[in-house]
């Protein structure tokens, strides 16, 4: 039911409503009206939801890629990274992805269109691997992880590079605070920019992003994967599965109440 005249019964909405089968929320909890009803509704929680929107604005508005430039992405087979790489391809960029394991390397290359993919789990020399696949350096680095991979990429960024800070998946806890190589000299000498962001910074433009992402899916230019678990009882272990890399696509929980 709806007690708000702006929302009608049967309308599909996306928001952060909590891990529950039913929720009563105020209108300001709604992030997006789901208008793309010809596509699977689950996409509103993935490629057409916060993951896709994060990729869209993080790359295009913060990373500002230009055709012909090299874009590197960590967790390149993930729900955000896979979309970042494909949008970069659409914009005419060369794409390099970092992922873990041979299966995800194949996904990056065969499904998500990366020109090169580096398996950080089996590569002893990440610096050498970057130099091999991106000899001209990196112009945009979309960072979902922080950690050793990001430390290596910083040594290969070009003059005027943009480093987009989206996540710190290499550090599941903020306590103790992570430490490591300092990027300041790379940023100074290369006159590069490092910027963090949240998708909600662009909340007034969510519909714009969802509509464009949906068009790219319809055109076959944007592919996605979903890994759906059945029932709310699977929620407690879902994050552990995500951080261990056991998921095969956007990890979702299908609620029994949803039918």
C-alpha atoms as a PDB file:
ATOM      1  CA  UNK A   1       0.000   0.000   0.000  1.00  0.00           C
ATOM      2  CA  UNK A   2       1.036   3.631  -0.359  1.00  0.00           C
ATOM      3  CA  UNK A   3       0.197   6.628   1.816  1.00  0.00           C
ATOM      4  CA  UNK A   4       2.150   8.986  -0.430  1.00  0.00           C
ATOM      5  CA  UNK A   5       0.290  10.408  -3.446  1.00  0.00           C
ATOM      6  CA  UNK A   6       3.545  10.493  -5.453  1.00  0.00           C
ATOM      7  CA  UNK A   7       3.796   6.697  -5.367  1.00  0.00           C
ATOM      8  CA  UNK A   8       1.097   4.292  -6.496  1.00  0.00           C
ATOM      9  CA  UNK A   9       0.460   0.659  -5.629  1.00  0.00           C
ATOM     10  CA  UNK A  10       2.374  -1.636  -7.978  1.00  0.00           C
ATOM     11  CA  UNK A  11       5.148   0.848  -8.733  1.00  0.00           C
ATOM     12  CA  UNK A  12       8.636  -0.642  -8.448  1.00  0.00           C
ATOM     13  CA  UNK A  13      11.113   1.338  -6.367  1.00  0.00           C
ATOM     14  CA  UNK A  14      14.776   0.942  -5.426  1.00  0.00           C
ATOM     15  CA  UNK A  15      16.301   2.151  -2.184  1.00  0.00           C
ATOM     16  CA  UNK A  16      18.254   1.107   0.886  1.00  0.00           C
ATOM     17  CA  UNK A  17      15.372  -0.508   2.770  1.00  0.00           C
ATOM     18  CA  UNK A  18      17.297  -2.961   4.941  1.00  0.00           C
ATOM     19  CA  UNK A  19      17.648  -6.743   4.980  1.00  0.00           C
ATOM     20  CA  UNK A  20      13.971  -7.596   5.347  1.00  0.00           C
ATOM     21  CA  UNK A  21      11.052  -8.966   3.392  1.00  0.00           C
ATOM     22  CA  UNK A  22       8.778  -6.005   4.109  1.00  0.00           C
ATOM     23  CA  UNK A  23       9.583  -2.369   4.860  1.00  0.00           C
ATOM     24  CA  UNK A  24       7.700   0.851   5.588  1.00  0.00           C
ATOM     25  CA  UNK A  25       9.806   3.837   4.565  1.00  0.00           C
ATOM     26  CA  UNK A  26       9.480   7.545   3.955  1.00  0.00           C
ATOM     27  CA  UNK A  27       9.640   8.906   0.423  1.00  0.00           C
ATOM     28  CA  UNK A  28      13.181  10.213   0.889  1.00  0.00           C
ATOM     29  CA  UNK A  29      14.415   6.607   1.294  1.00  0.00           C
ATOM     30  CA  UNK A  30      13.608   5.933  -2.369  1.00  0.00           C
ATOM     31  CA  UNK A  31      16.641   6.311  -4.608  1.00  0.00           C
ATOM     32  CA  UNK A  32      15.174   5.363  -7.963  1.00  0.00           C
ATOM     33  CA  UNK A  33      11.874   4.619  -9.669  1.00  0.00           C
ATOM     34  CA  UNK A  34      12.347   1.476 -11.740  1.00  0.00           C
ATOM     35  CA  UNK A  35      11.174   2.487 -15.206  1.00  0.00           C
ATOM     36  CA  UNK A  36      12.965  -0.100 -17.349  1.00  0.00           C
ATOM     37  CA  UNK A  37      10.254  -2.756 -16.978  1.00  0.00           C
ATOM     38  CA  UNK A  38      11.226  -4.575 -20.187  1.00  0.00           C
ATOM     39  CA  UNK A  39      14.459  -5.674 -18.469  1.00  0.00           C
ATOM     40  CA  UNK A  40      14.823  -8.013 -15.433  1.00  0.00           C
ATOM     41  CA  UNK A  41      13.803  -6.212 -12.245  1.00  0.00           C
ATOM     42  CA  UNK A  42      16.911  -7.593 -10.508  1.00  0.00           C
ATOM     43  CA  UNK A  43      18.991  -5.167 -12.585  1.00  0.00           C
ATOM     44  CA  UNK A  44      17.672  -2.337 -10.387  1.00  0.00           C
ATOM     45  CA  UNK A  45      19.969  -3.759  -7.691  1.00  0.00           C
ATOM     46  CA  UNK A  46      22.935  -4.170 -10.017  1.00  0.00           C
ATOM     47  CA  UNK A  47      23.660  -2.913 -13.517  1.00  0.00           C
ATOM     48  CA  UNK A  48      20.803  -0.391 -13.427  1.00  0.00           C
ATOM     49  CA  UNK A  49      21.093   0.264  -9.686  1.00  0.00           C
ATOM     50  CA  UNK A  50      23.841   1.504  -7.412  1.00  0.00           C
ATOM     51  CA  UNK A  51      26.526  -0.658  -9.047  1.00  0.00           C
ATOM     52  CA  UNK A  52      25.896   0.579 -12.567  1.00  0.00           C
ATOM     53  CA  UNK A  53      25.261   4.136 -11.425  1.00  0.00           C
ATOM     54  CA  UNK A  54      28.498   4.107  -9.407  1.00  0.00           C
ATOM     55  CA  UNK A  55      30.412   2.926 -12.473  1.00  0.00           C
ATOM     56  CA  UNK A  56      28.712   5.471 -14.717  1.00  0.00           C
ATOM     57  CA  UNK A  57      29.347   8.601 -12.665  1.00  0.00           C
ATOM     58  CA  UNK A  58      32.632   7.469 -11.164  1.00  0.00           C
ATOM     59  CA  UNK A  59      34.188   6.906 -14.566  1.00  0.00           C
ATOM     60  CA  UNK A  60      32.548   9.625 -16.639  1.00  0.00           C
ATOM     61  CA  UNK A  61      32.288  12.467 -14.111  1.00  0.00           C
ATOM     62  CA  UNK A  62      35.301  11.794 -11.857  1.00  0.00           C
ATOM     63  CA  UNK A  63      37.628   9.866 -14.183  1.00  0.00           C
ATOM     64  CA  UNK A  64      36.808  11.927 -17.292  1.00  0.00           C
ATOM     65  CA  UNK A  65      38.205   9.423 -19.833  1.00  0.00           C
ATOM     66  CA  UNK A  66      39.050  10.510 -23.350  1.00  0.00           C
ATOM     67  CA  UNK A  67      39.000   8.333 -26.444  1.00  0.00           C
ATOM     68  CA  UNK A  68      42.333   6.572 -26.939  1.00  0.00           C
ATOM     69  CA  UNK A  69      43.362   6.791 -23.300  1.00  0.00           C
ATOM     70  CA  UNK A  70      44.129   3.778 -21.101  1.00  0.00           C
ATOM     71  CA  UNK A  71      41.731   2.977 -18.262  1.00  0.00           C
ATOM     72  CA  UNK A  72      42.764   0.476 -15.586  1.00  0.00           C
ATOM     73  CA  UNK A  73      40.210  -1.062 -13.220  1.00  0.00           C
ATOM     74  CA  UNK A  74      40.649  -3.161 -10.082  1.00  0.00           C
ATOM     75  CA  UNK A  75      38.087  -5.923  -9.288  1.00  0.00           C
ATOM     76  CA  UNK A  76      37.467  -5.761 -13.003  1.00  0.00           C
ATOM     77  CA  UNK A  77      35.048  -8.719 -13.062  1.00  0.00           C
ATOM     78  CA  UNK A  78      32.968  -7.359 -10.178  1.00  0.00           C
ATOM     79  CA  UNK A  79      29.563  -5.736 -10.295  1.00  0.00           C
ATOM     80  CA  UNK A  80      31.043  -2.227 -10.552  1.00  0.00           C
ATOM     81  CA  UNK A  81      34.347  -2.939 -12.264  1.00  0.00           C
ATOM     82  CA  UNK A  82      32.841  -4.956 -15.109  1.00  0.00           C
ATOM     83  CA  UNK A  83      30.577  -2.041 -16.003  1.00  0.00           C
ATOM     84  CA  UNK A  84      33.392   0.508 -15.701  1.00  0.00           C
ATOM     85  CA  UNK A  85      35.443  -1.438 -18.224  1.00  0.00           C
ATOM     86  CA  UNK A  86      32.570  -1.701 -20.688  1.00  0.00           C
ATOM     87  CA  UNK A  87      31.704   1.991 -20.455  1.00  0.00           C
ATOM     88  CA  UNK A  88      35.372   2.811 -21.046  1.00  0.00           C
ATOM     89  CA  UNK A  89      35.253   0.623 -24.161  1.00  0.00           C
ATOM     90  CA  UNK A  90      32.126   2.408 -25.355  1.00  0.00           C
ATOM     91  CA  UNK A  91      34.009   5.697 -24.962  1.00  0.00           C
ATOM     92  CA  UNK A  92      36.876   4.438 -27.122  1.00  0.00           C
ATOM     93  CA  UNK A  93      39.421   3.741 -24.395  1.00  0.00           C
ATOM     94  CA  UNK A  94      41.904   0.902 -23.987  1.00  0.00           C
ATOM     95  CA  UNK A  95      40.991  -1.143 -20.915  1.00  0.00           C
ATOM     96  CA  UNK A  96      43.141  -3.102 -18.469  1.00  0.00           C
ATOM     97  CA  UNK A  97      41.539  -5.079 -15.666  1.00  0.00           C
ATOM     98  CA  UNK A  98      42.865  -6.594 -12.448  1.00  0.00           C
ATOM     99  CA  UNK A  99      41.073  -9.663 -11.148  1.00  0.00           C
ATOM    100  CA  UNK A 100      41.719 -12.866  -9.212  1.00  0.00           C
ATOM    101  CA  UNK A 101      41.903 -16.279 -10.860  1.00  0.00           C
ATOM    102  CA  UNK A 102      41.938 -17.583 -14.442  1.00  0.00           C
ATOM    103  CA  UNK A 103      38.132 -17.902 -14.672  1.00  0.00           C
ATOM    104  CA  UNK A 104      37.644 -14.229 -13.910  1.00  0.00           C
ATOM    105  CA  UNK A 105      40.429 -13.285 -16.303  1.00  0.00           C
ATOM    106  CA  UNK A 106      38.479 -15.064 -19.040  1.00  0.00           C
ATOM    107  CA  UNK A 107      35.315 -13.229 -18.006  1.00  0.00           C
ATOM    108  CA  UNK A 108      37.095  -9.900 -18.280  1.00  0.00           C
ATOM    109  CA  UNK A 109      38.423 -10.700 -21.738  1.00  0.00           C
ATOM    110  CA  UNK A 110      35.546 -12.684 -23.256  1.00  0.00           C
ATOM    111  CA  UNK A 111      32.457 -11.174 -21.631  1.00  0.00           C
ATOM    112  CA  UNK A 112      33.339  -7.679 -20.520  1.00  0.00           C
ATOM    113  CA  UNK A 113      35.606  -6.684 -23.399  1.00  0.00           C
ATOM    114  CA  UNK A 114      38.811  -5.815 -21.566  1.00  0.00           C
ATOM    115  CA  UNK A 115      41.788  -5.654 -23.897  1.00  0.00           C
ATOM    116  CA  UNK A 116      44.026  -7.058 -21.161  1.00  0.00           C
ATOM    117  CA  UNK A 117      43.444  -8.651 -17.758  1.00  0.00           C
ATOM    118  CA  UNK A 118      46.005  -9.291 -15.029  1.00  0.00           C
ATOM    119  CA  UNK A 119      45.524 -12.079 -12.489  1.00  0.00           C
ATOM    120  CA  UNK A 120      46.926 -10.458  -9.366  1.00  0.00           C
ATOM    121  CA  UNK A 121      46.733 -13.753  -7.460  1.00  0.00           C
ATOM    122  CA  UNK A 122      49.169 -15.569  -9.752  1.00  0.00           C
ATOM    123  CA  UNK A 123      51.331 -12.685 -10.964  1.00  0.00           C
ATOM    124  CA  UNK A 124      54.570 -12.270  -9.030  1.00  0.00           C
ATOM    125  CA  UNK A 125      55.515  -9.085 -10.850  1.00  0.00           C
ATOM    126  CA  UNK A 126      52.485  -6.800 -11.112  1.00  0.00           C
ATOM    127  CA  UNK A 127      54.702  -3.885 -12.157  1.00  0.00           C
ATOM    128  CA  UNK A 128      56.077  -5.902 -15.052  1.00  0.00           C
ATOM    129  CA  UNK A 129      52.601  -7.061 -16.047  1.00  0.00           C
ATOM    130  CA  UNK A 130      51.311  -3.479 -16.143  1.00  0.00           C
ATOM    131  CA  UNK A 131      54.292  -2.330 -18.192  1.00  0.00           C
ATOM    132  CA  UNK A 132      53.673  -5.177 -20.629  1.00  0.00           C
ATOM    133  CA  UNK A 133      49.959  -4.545 -21.282  1.00  0.00           C
ATOM    134  CA  UNK A 134      50.017  -0.756 -20.865  1.00  0.00           C
ATOM    135  CA  UNK A 135      53.442   0.372 -22.119  1.00  0.00           C
ATOM    136  CA  UNK A 136      52.111   3.887 -22.611  1.00  0.00           C
ATOM    137  CA  UNK A 137      51.028   4.164 -18.996  1.00  0.00           C
ATOM    138  CA  UNK A 138      47.633   4.592 -17.327  1.00  0.00           C
ATOM    139  CA  UNK A 139      45.486   7.683 -17.794  1.00  0.00           C
ATOM    140  CA  UNK A 140      42.544   6.723 -15.576  1.00  0.00           C
ATOM    141  CA  UNK A 141      42.674   4.280 -12.683  1.00  0.00           C
ATOM    142  CA  UNK A 142      39.323   3.211 -11.220  1.00  0.00           C
ATOM    143  CA  UNK A 143      40.282   1.872  -7.804  1.00  0.00           C
ATOM    144  CA  UNK A 144      37.906  -0.528  -6.061  1.00  0.00           C
ATOM    145  CA  UNK A 145      40.487  -2.127  -3.779  1.00  0.00           C
ATOM    146  CA  UNK A 146      43.379  -0.008  -2.511  1.00  0.00           C
ATOM    147  CA  UNK A 147      46.226  -2.306  -1.447  1.00  0.00           C
ATOM    148  CA  UNK A 148      49.198  -3.707  -3.399  1.00  0.00           C
ATOM    149  CA  UNK A 149      47.526  -3.576  -6.825  1.00  0.00           C
ATOM    150  CA  UNK A 150      46.811   0.125  -6.419  1.00  0.00           C
ATOM    151  CA  UNK A 151      50.334   0.770  -5.153  1.00  0.00           C
ATOM    152  CA  UNK A 152      51.671  -0.788  -8.357  1.00  0.00           C
ATOM    153  CA  UNK A 153      49.332   1.157 -10.644  1.00  0.00           C
ATOM    154  CA  UNK A 154      50.433   4.452  -9.110  1.00  0.00           C
ATOM    155  CA  UNK A 155      53.927   3.830 -10.456  1.00  0.00           C
ATOM    156  CA  UNK A 156      52.496   3.716 -13.988  1.00  0.00           C
ATOM    157  CA  UNK A 157      50.099   6.660 -14.083  1.00  0.00           C
ATOM    158  CA  UNK A 158      50.689   9.292 -16.743  1.00  0.00           C
ATOM    159  CA  UNK A 159      50.971  13.051 -16.495  1.00  0.00           C
ATOM    160  CA  UNK A 160      47.494  14.397 -15.876  1.00  0.00           C
ATOM    161  CA  UNK A 161      46.112  11.016 -14.794  1.00  0.00           C
ATOM    162  CA  UNK A 162      42.906  10.717 -12.774  1.00  0.00           C
ATOM    163  CA  UNK A 163      42.673   8.199  -9.941  1.00  0.00           C
ATOM    164  CA  UNK A 164      39.084   7.434  -8.958  1.00  0.00           C
ATOM    165  CA  UNK A 165      38.707   6.087  -5.415  1.00  0.00           C
ATOM    166  CA  UNK A 166      35.564   3.957  -5.297  1.00  0.00           C
ATOM    167  CA  UNK A 167      36.348   1.223  -2.753  1.00  0.00           C
ATOM    168  CA  UNK A 168      38.907  -0.372  -0.464  1.00  0.00           C
ATOM    169  CA  UNK A 169      38.029  -4.058  -0.824  1.00  0.00           C
ATOM    170  CA  UNK A 170      41.604  -5.136  -0.038  1.00  0.00           C
ATOM    171  CA  UNK A 171      40.957  -3.922   3.518  1.00  0.00           C
ATOM    172  CA  UNK A 172      37.713  -5.374   4.921  1.00  0.00           C
ATOM    173  CA  UNK A 173      38.195  -3.502   8.207  1.00  0.00           C
ATOM    174  CA  UNK A 174      39.076   0.118   8.999  1.00  0.00           C
ATOM    175  CA  UNK A 175      40.651  -0.917  12.307  1.00  0.00           C
ATOM    176  CA  UNK A 176      43.593  -0.982  12.265  1.00  0.00           C
ATOM    177  CA  UNK A 177      43.971   1.735   9.652  1.00  0.00           C
ATOM    178  CA  UNK A 178      45.662   0.411   6.522  1.00  0.00           C
ATOM    179  CA  UNK A 179      49.171   1.608   5.725  1.00  0.00           C
ATOM    180  CA  UNK A 180      51.390   1.278   2.686  1.00  0.00           C
ATOM    181  CA  UNK A 181      53.368   3.208   0.060  1.00  0.00           C
ATOM    182  CA  UNK A 182      52.488   6.880  -0.161  1.00  0.00           C
ATOM    183  CA  UNK A 183      51.251   8.222  -3.536  1.00  0.00           C
ATOM    184  CA  UNK A 184      52.021  11.896  -3.050  1.00  0.00           C
ATOM    185  CA  UNK A 185      55.205  12.046  -5.129  1.00  0.00           C
ATOM    186  CA  UNK A 186      53.500  10.320  -8.051  1.00  0.00           C
ATOM    187  CA  UNK A 187      50.633  12.784  -7.825  1.00  0.00           C
ATOM    188  CA  UNK A 188      52.972  15.780  -7.655  1.00  0.00           C
ATOM    189  CA  UNK A 189      55.436  14.818 -10.374  1.00  0.00           C
ATOM    190  CA  UNK A 190      52.721  13.587 -12.726  1.00  0.00           C
ATOM    191  CA  UNK A 191      50.302  16.407 -11.880  1.00  0.00           C
ATOM    192  CA  UNK A 192      47.669  13.746 -11.318  1.00  0.00           C
ATOM    193  CA  UNK A 193      44.380  13.956  -9.460  1.00  0.00           C
ATOM    194  CA  UNK A 194      43.090  11.448  -6.891  1.00  0.00           C
ATOM    195  CA  UNK A 195      39.441  11.817  -5.904  1.00  0.00           C
ATOM    196  CA  UNK A 196      36.984   9.802  -3.888  1.00  0.00           C
ATOM    197  CA  UNK A 197      33.243   9.903  -4.464  1.00  0.00           C
ATOM    198  CA  UNK A 198      29.914   8.339  -3.528  1.00  0.00           C
ATOM    199  CA  UNK A 199      27.207   7.487  -6.031  1.00  0.00           C
ATOM    200  CA  UNK A 200      24.749   9.474  -3.937  1.00  0.00           C
ATOM    201  CA  UNK A 201      26.702  12.618  -4.825  1.00  0.00           C
ATOM    202  CA  UNK A 202      24.803  12.350  -8.121  1.00  0.00           C
ATOM    203  CA  UNK A 203      21.402  11.318  -6.722  1.00  0.00           C
ATOM    204  CA  UNK A 204      19.549  13.972  -8.724  1.00  0.00           C
ATOM    205  CA  UNK A 205      20.842  12.326 -11.935  1.00  0.00           C
ATOM    206  CA  UNK A 206      20.154   8.661 -11.155  1.00  0.00           C
ATOM    207  CA  UNK A 207      17.388   8.418 -13.754  1.00  0.00           C
ATOM    208  CA  UNK A 208      19.739   9.752 -16.427  1.00  0.00           C
ATOM    209  CA  UNK A 209      22.308   7.064 -15.659  1.00  0.00           C
ATOM    210  CA  UNK A 210      19.774   4.225 -15.428  1.00  0.00           C
ATOM    211  CA  UNK A 211      18.236   5.180 -18.778  1.00  0.00           C
ATOM    212  CA  UNK A 212      21.605   5.281 -20.563  1.00  0.00           C
ATOM    213  CA  UNK A 213      22.781   2.022 -18.992  1.00  0.00           C
ATOM    214  CA  UNK A 214      19.508   0.355 -20.011  1.00  0.00           C
ATOM    215  CA  UNK A 215      19.936   1.523 -23.608  1.00  0.00           C
ATOM    216  CA  UNK A 216      23.447   0.075 -23.731  1.00  0.00           C
ATOM    217  CA  UNK A 217      22.095  -3.251 -22.428  1.00  0.00           C
ATOM    218  CA  UNK A 218      19.355  -3.295 -25.067  1.00  0.00           C
ATOM    219  CA  UNK A 219      21.929  -2.530 -27.761  1.00  0.00           C
ATOM    220  CA  UNK A 220      24.117  -5.421 -26.593  1.00  0.00           C
ATOM    221  CA  UNK A 221      26.956  -3.084 -25.655  1.00  0.00           C
ATOM    222  CA  UNK A 222      26.740  -3.696 -21.913  1.00  0.00           C
ATOM    223  CA  UNK A 223      26.771  -7.195 -20.423  1.00  0.00           C
ATOM    224  CA  UNK A 224      26.199  -8.286 -16.851  1.00  0.00           C
ATOM    225  CA  UNK A 225      26.268 -11.335 -14.588  1.00  0.00           C
ATOM    226  CA  UNK A 226      24.100 -12.081 -11.566  1.00  0.00           C
ATOM    227  CA  UNK A 227      24.668 -14.590  -8.750  1.00  0.00           C
ATOM    228  CA  UNK A 228      21.333 -14.996  -6.961  1.00  0.00           C
ATOM    229  CA  UNK A 229      20.952 -16.754  -3.624  1.00  0.00           C
ATOM    230  CA  UNK A 230      17.509 -17.936  -2.555  1.00  0.00           C
ATOM    231  CA  UNK A 231      16.018 -16.752   0.743  1.00  0.00           C
ATOM    232  CA  UNK A 232      16.850 -14.198   3.401  1.00  0.00           C
ATOM    233  CA  UNK A 233      18.543 -16.877   5.495  1.00  0.00           C
ATOM    234  CA  UNK A 234      21.490 -16.739   3.074  1.00  0.00           C
ATOM    235  CA  UNK A 235      22.153 -13.073   3.846  1.00  0.00           C
ATOM    236  CA  UNK A 236      24.593 -13.516   6.776  1.00  0.00           C
ATOM    237  CA  UNK A 237      27.186 -15.348   4.700  1.00  0.00           C
ATOM    238  CA  UNK A 238      26.729 -13.293   1.545  1.00  0.00           C
ATOM    239  CA  UNK A 239      29.282 -10.592   2.391  1.00  0.00           C
ATOM    240  CA  UNK A 240      31.910 -13.163   3.338  1.00  0.00           C
ATOM    241  CA  UNK A 241      31.318 -14.875   0.011  1.00  0.00           C
ATOM    242  CA  UNK A 242      31.657 -11.527  -1.742  1.00  0.00           C
ATOM    243  CA  UNK A 243      34.971 -10.578  -0.104  1.00  0.00           C
ATOM    244  CA  UNK A 244      36.433 -14.042  -0.713  1.00  0.00           C
ATOM    245  CA  UNK A 245      35.635 -13.744  -4.425  1.00  0.00           C
ATOM    246  CA  UNK A 246      33.350 -16.796  -4.488  1.00  0.00           C
ATOM    247  CA  UNK A 247      30.492 -14.949  -6.174  1.00  0.00           C
ATOM    248  CA  UNK A 248      29.988 -15.224  -9.909  1.00  0.00           C
ATOM    249  CA  UNK A 249      28.498 -11.849 -10.777  1.00  0.00           C
ATOM    250  CA  UNK A 250      26.401  -9.351  -8.853  1.00  0.00           C
ATOM    251  CA  UNK A 251      25.505 -11.092  -5.594  1.00  0.00           C
ATOM    252  CA  UNK A 252      21.783 -10.869  -4.802  1.00  0.00           C
ATOM    253  CA  UNK A 253      19.327 -12.378  -2.330  1.00  0.00           C
ATOM    254  CA  UNK A 254      15.906 -13.315  -3.700  1.00  0.00           C
ATOM    255  CA  UNK A 255      13.311 -13.015  -0.945  1.00  0.00           C
ATOM    256  CA  UNK A 256      10.749 -15.762  -0.578  1.00  0.00           C
ATOM    257  CA  UNK A 257       8.053 -13.133  -0.118  1.00  0.00           C
ATOM    258  CA  UNK A 258       8.797 -11.744  -3.578  1.00  0.00           C
ATOM    259  CA  UNK A 259       7.450 -14.877  -5.192  1.00  0.00           C
END
